[in-house]
């Protein structure tokens, strides 16, 4: 089963990161955002900064569905909100949300994910991937996230 294999590999990444005392970044985005051609290799940039990277579908099933402040009728949104809830229970995990400016539904998800994370004291980080011309600005944003986490 594909999802079972994905979650197993994700658990291995989490276990290894914890043994090595690394931050774990949940890189959350629509399925097409995870394509390296679309996201410009953001996952590799995060690992080059010393963190482990997993996708939201690896952890979304680890928590019960929580009530949200929006109409939640899409599978991706439900998975995203569940992943955000789970991240709030893990000291070594943070979520970075990839969004597309042209996708109107991302406006809804960003507000809800921000609310979930911030009400539990987590930092919300968003990257608009269709505004990227080079990774310099993304690198600065991610370095700022890691610096804030160290404080």
C-alpha atoms as a PDB file:
ATOM      1  CA  UNK A   1       0.000   0.000   0.000  1.00  0.00           C
ATOM      2  CA  UNK A   2       1.469   3.321  -1.138  1.00  0.00           C
ATOM      3  CA  UNK A   3       0.392   5.450   1.844  1.00  0.00           C
ATOM      4  CA  UNK A   4       1.589   2.813   4.283  1.00  0.00           C
ATOM      5  CA  UNK A   5       5.033   2.871   2.634  1.00  0.00           C
ATOM      6  CA  UNK A   6       5.117   6.686   2.640  1.00  0.00           C
ATOM      7  CA  UNK A   7       4.207   6.862   6.327  1.00  0.00           C
ATOM      8  CA  UNK A   8       6.776   4.188   7.195  1.00  0.00           C
ATOM      9  CA  UNK A   9       9.535   6.125   5.413  1.00  0.00           C
ATOM     10  CA  UNK A  10       8.353   9.306   7.121  1.00  0.00           C
ATOM     11  CA  UNK A  11       8.587   7.626  10.521  1.00  0.00           C
ATOM     12  CA  UNK A  12      12.149   6.574   9.697  1.00  0.00           C
ATOM     13  CA  UNK A  13      13.045  10.164   8.795  1.00  0.00           C
ATOM     14  CA  UNK A  14      11.473  11.445  12.032  1.00  0.00           C
ATOM     15  CA  UNK A  15      13.288   8.841  14.151  1.00  0.00           C
ATOM     16  CA  UNK A  16      16.651   9.629  12.510  1.00  0.00           C
ATOM     17  CA  UNK A  17      16.133  13.390  12.920  1.00  0.00           C
ATOM     18  CA  UNK A  18      15.341  12.943  16.594  1.00  0.00           C
ATOM     19  CA  UNK A  19      18.424  10.797  17.151  1.00  0.00           C
ATOM     20  CA  UNK A  20      20.496  13.536  15.507  1.00  0.00           C
ATOM     21  CA  UNK A  21      18.620  16.337  17.374  1.00  0.00           C
ATOM     22  CA  UNK A  22      17.521  18.007  14.139  1.00  0.00           C
ATOM     23  CA  UNK A  23      14.485  20.171  13.570  1.00  0.00           C
ATOM     24  CA  UNK A  24      11.796  18.490  11.491  1.00  0.00           C
ATOM     25  CA  UNK A  25      10.065  20.620   8.889  1.00  0.00           C
ATOM     26  CA  UNK A  26       6.692  19.536   7.602  1.00  0.00           C
ATOM     27  CA  UNK A  27       6.702  20.883   4.055  1.00  0.00           C
ATOM     28  CA  UNK A  28       3.014  21.253   3.295  1.00  0.00           C
ATOM     29  CA  UNK A  29       1.627  22.034  -0.092  1.00  0.00           C
ATOM     30  CA  UNK A  30      -0.732  20.885  -2.756  1.00  0.00           C
ATOM     31  CA  UNK A  31       0.451  17.691  -4.462  1.00  0.00           C
ATOM     32  CA  UNK A  32       1.872  19.630  -7.415  1.00  0.00           C
ATOM     33  CA  UNK A  33       3.844  21.897  -5.046  1.00  0.00           C
ATOM     34  CA  UNK A  34       5.995  18.943  -4.049  1.00  0.00           C
ATOM     35  CA  UNK A  35       7.331  18.572  -7.598  1.00  0.00           C
ATOM     36  CA  UNK A  36      10.958  19.858  -7.576  1.00  0.00           C
ATOM     37  CA  UNK A  37      10.344  21.686 -10.861  1.00  0.00           C
ATOM     38  CA  UNK A  38       7.512  23.627  -9.246  1.00  0.00           C
ATOM     39  CA  UNK A  39       8.995  24.250  -5.794  1.00  0.00           C
ATOM     40  CA  UNK A  40      12.530  24.961  -7.016  1.00  0.00           C
ATOM     41  CA  UNK A  41      14.082  22.364  -4.686  1.00  0.00           C
ATOM     42  CA  UNK A  42      12.941  23.975  -1.429  1.00  0.00           C
ATOM     43  CA  UNK A  43      13.119  20.581   0.286  1.00  0.00           C
ATOM     44  CA  UNK A  44      16.838  20.320  -0.554  1.00  0.00           C
ATOM     45  CA  UNK A  45      17.398  23.865   0.677  1.00  0.00           C
ATOM     46  CA  UNK A  46      15.792  22.974   4.016  1.00  0.00           C
ATOM     47  CA  UNK A  47      17.953  19.872   4.417  1.00  0.00           C
ATOM     48  CA  UNK A  48      21.054  21.912   3.524  1.00  0.00           C
ATOM     49  CA  UNK A  49      20.176  24.153   6.485  1.00  0.00           C
ATOM     50  CA  UNK A  50      20.315  21.135   8.792  1.00  0.00           C
ATOM     51  CA  UNK A  51      16.689  20.079   9.174  1.00  0.00           C
ATOM     52  CA  UNK A  52      14.828  16.950   8.148  1.00  0.00           C
ATOM     53  CA  UNK A  53      11.894  17.311   5.755  1.00  0.00           C
ATOM     54  CA  UNK A  54       8.648  15.367   5.620  1.00  0.00           C
ATOM     55  CA  UNK A  55       5.340  16.058   3.897  1.00  0.00           C
ATOM     56  CA  UNK A  56       2.057  16.676   5.672  1.00  0.00           C
ATOM     57  CA  UNK A  57       0.541  13.380   4.578  1.00  0.00           C
ATOM     58  CA  UNK A  58       3.095  11.514   6.698  1.00  0.00           C
ATOM     59  CA  UNK A  59       1.762  12.902   9.983  1.00  0.00           C
ATOM     60  CA  UNK A  60      -1.823  13.938   9.231  1.00  0.00           C
ATOM     61  CA  UNK A  61      -3.186  10.552  10.296  1.00  0.00           C
ATOM     62  CA  UNK A  62      -1.458  10.775  13.696  1.00  0.00           C
ATOM     63  CA  UNK A  63      -4.077  13.080  15.177  1.00  0.00           C
ATOM     64  CA  UNK A  64      -7.838  13.087  15.474  1.00  0.00           C
ATOM     65  CA  UNK A  65      -9.792  15.505  13.327  1.00  0.00           C
ATOM     66  CA  UNK A  66     -10.029  18.800  15.140  1.00  0.00           C
ATOM     67  CA  UNK A  67     -12.775  21.383  14.694  1.00  0.00           C
ATOM     68  CA  UNK A  68     -11.739  24.194  12.370  1.00  0.00           C
ATOM     69  CA  UNK A  69     -13.132  27.650  11.709  1.00  0.00           C
ATOM     70  CA  UNK A  70     -13.753  27.041   7.990  1.00  0.00           C
ATOM     71  CA  UNK A  71     -15.945  24.780   5.867  1.00  0.00           C
ATOM     72  CA  UNK A  72     -13.704  21.774   5.364  1.00  0.00           C
ATOM     73  CA  UNK A  73     -14.822  19.673   2.429  1.00  0.00           C
ATOM     74  CA  UNK A  74     -11.561  18.856   0.651  1.00  0.00           C
ATOM     75  CA  UNK A  75      -9.230  15.984   1.498  1.00  0.00           C
ATOM     76  CA  UNK A  76      -6.090  18.082   1.085  1.00  0.00           C
ATOM     77  CA  UNK A  77      -7.390  20.753   3.455  1.00  0.00           C
ATOM     78  CA  UNK A  78      -8.382  18.173   6.081  1.00  0.00           C
ATOM     79  CA  UNK A  79      -4.919  16.599   5.848  1.00  0.00           C
ATOM     80  CA  UNK A  80      -3.246  20.006   6.105  1.00  0.00           C
ATOM     81  CA  UNK A  81      -5.218  21.030   9.199  1.00  0.00           C
ATOM     82  CA  UNK A  82      -4.562  17.669  10.870  1.00  0.00           C
ATOM     83  CA  UNK A  83      -0.849  17.988  10.147  1.00  0.00           C
ATOM     84  CA  UNK A  84      -0.808  21.510  11.605  1.00  0.00           C
ATOM     85  CA  UNK A  85      -2.545  20.243  14.757  1.00  0.00           C
ATOM     86  CA  UNK A  86      -0.022  17.422  15.105  1.00  0.00           C
ATOM     87  CA  UNK A  87       2.916  19.809  14.656  1.00  0.00           C
ATOM     88  CA  UNK A  88       1.648  21.837  17.624  1.00  0.00           C
ATOM     89  CA  UNK A  89       2.160  18.780  19.853  1.00  0.00           C
ATOM     90  CA  UNK A  90       5.766  18.186  18.777  1.00  0.00           C
ATOM     91  CA  UNK A  91       8.528  20.461  20.077  1.00  0.00           C
ATOM     92  CA  UNK A  92      10.911  19.518  17.266  1.00  0.00           C
ATOM     93  CA  UNK A  93       8.467  20.007  14.371  1.00  0.00           C
ATOM     94  CA  UNK A  94       7.456  23.100  12.453  1.00  0.00           C
ATOM     95  CA  UNK A  95       5.346  23.548   9.363  1.00  0.00           C
ATOM     96  CA  UNK A  96       6.252  25.484   6.225  1.00  0.00           C
ATOM     97  CA  UNK A  97       3.306  25.971   3.887  1.00  0.00           C
ATOM     98  CA  UNK A  98       3.846  26.272   0.147  1.00  0.00           C
ATOM     99  CA  UNK A  99       1.118  28.263  -1.559  1.00  0.00           C
ATOM    100  CA  UNK A 100       0.302  29.543  -5.035  1.00  0.00           C
ATOM    101  CA  UNK A 101      -0.807  33.129  -5.365  1.00  0.00           C
ATOM    102  CA  UNK A 102      -3.295  32.240  -8.097  1.00  0.00           C
ATOM    103  CA  UNK A 103      -5.067  29.583  -6.040  1.00  0.00           C
ATOM    104  CA  UNK A 104      -7.976  31.245  -4.228  1.00  0.00           C
ATOM    105  CA  UNK A 105      -8.442  28.298  -1.886  1.00  0.00           C
ATOM    106  CA  UNK A 106      -4.937  28.811  -0.525  1.00  0.00           C
ATOM    107  CA  UNK A 107      -6.169  32.064   1.029  1.00  0.00           C
ATOM    108  CA  UNK A 108      -8.559  30.035   3.188  1.00  0.00           C
ATOM    109  CA  UNK A 109      -6.018  27.389   4.164  1.00  0.00           C
ATOM    110  CA  UNK A 110      -3.302  29.887   5.040  1.00  0.00           C
ATOM    111  CA  UNK A 111      -5.516  31.716   7.521  1.00  0.00           C
ATOM    112  CA  UNK A 112      -6.640  28.478   9.175  1.00  0.00           C
ATOM    113  CA  UNK A 113      -3.153  26.929   9.339  1.00  0.00           C
ATOM    114  CA  UNK A 114      -1.751  30.179  10.756  1.00  0.00           C
ATOM    115  CA  UNK A 115      -4.493  30.193  13.398  1.00  0.00           C
ATOM    116  CA  UNK A 116      -3.873  26.562  14.393  1.00  0.00           C
ATOM    117  CA  UNK A 117      -0.115  27.048  14.712  1.00  0.00           C
ATOM    118  CA  UNK A 118      -0.083  30.463  16.375  1.00  0.00           C
ATOM    119  CA  UNK A 119      -2.674  29.620  19.024  1.00  0.00           C
ATOM    120  CA  UNK A 120      -0.221  26.959  20.210  1.00  0.00           C
ATOM    121  CA  UNK A 121       2.840  29.226  20.065  1.00  0.00           C
ATOM    122  CA  UNK A 122       4.260  27.886  16.801  1.00  0.00           C
ATOM    123  CA  UNK A 123       5.658  30.092  14.053  1.00  0.00           C
ATOM    124  CA  UNK A 124       3.720  30.169  10.780  1.00  0.00           C
ATOM    125  CA  UNK A 125       5.937  30.235   7.699  1.00  0.00           C
ATOM    126  CA  UNK A 126       4.515  30.600   4.209  1.00  0.00           C
ATOM    127  CA  UNK A 127       6.340  30.509   0.897  1.00  0.00           C
ATOM    128  CA  UNK A 128       4.584  31.663  -2.268  1.00  0.00           C
ATOM    129  CA  UNK A 129       6.254  29.425  -4.786  1.00  0.00           C
ATOM    130  CA  UNK A 130       5.026  31.203  -7.891  1.00  0.00           C
ATOM    131  CA  UNK A 131       6.802  34.383  -6.768  1.00  0.00           C
ATOM    132  CA  UNK A 132      10.217  32.700  -6.580  1.00  0.00           C
ATOM    133  CA  UNK A 133      12.771  33.755  -9.156  1.00  0.00           C
ATOM    134  CA  UNK A 134      15.695  32.504  -7.093  1.00  0.00           C
ATOM    135  CA  UNK A 135      16.041  30.795  -3.747  1.00  0.00           C
ATOM    136  CA  UNK A 136      17.835  33.699  -2.036  1.00  0.00           C
ATOM    137  CA  UNK A 137      14.694  35.150  -0.455  1.00  0.00           C
ATOM    138  CA  UNK A 138      13.473  31.684   0.543  1.00  0.00           C
ATOM    139  CA  UNK A 139      16.830  30.936   2.162  1.00  0.00           C
ATOM    140  CA  UNK A 140      16.602  34.152   4.200  1.00  0.00           C
ATOM    141  CA  UNK A 141      13.063  33.290   5.319  1.00  0.00           C
ATOM    142  CA  UNK A 142      14.073  29.762   6.339  1.00  0.00           C
ATOM    143  CA  UNK A 143      17.212  30.968   8.147  1.00  0.00           C
ATOM    144  CA  UNK A 144      15.024  33.434  10.040  1.00  0.00           C
ATOM    145  CA  UNK A 145      12.693  30.599  11.031  1.00  0.00           C
ATOM    146  CA  UNK A 146      15.586  28.486  12.328  1.00  0.00           C
ATOM    147  CA  UNK A 147      17.093  31.465  14.188  1.00  0.00           C
ATOM    148  CA  UNK A 148      13.744  32.150  15.874  1.00  0.00           C
ATOM    149  CA  UNK A 149      13.444  28.493  16.857  1.00  0.00           C
ATOM    150  CA  UNK A 150      16.856  28.571  18.539  1.00  0.00           C
ATOM    151  CA  UNK A 151      15.832  31.443  20.843  1.00  0.00           C
END
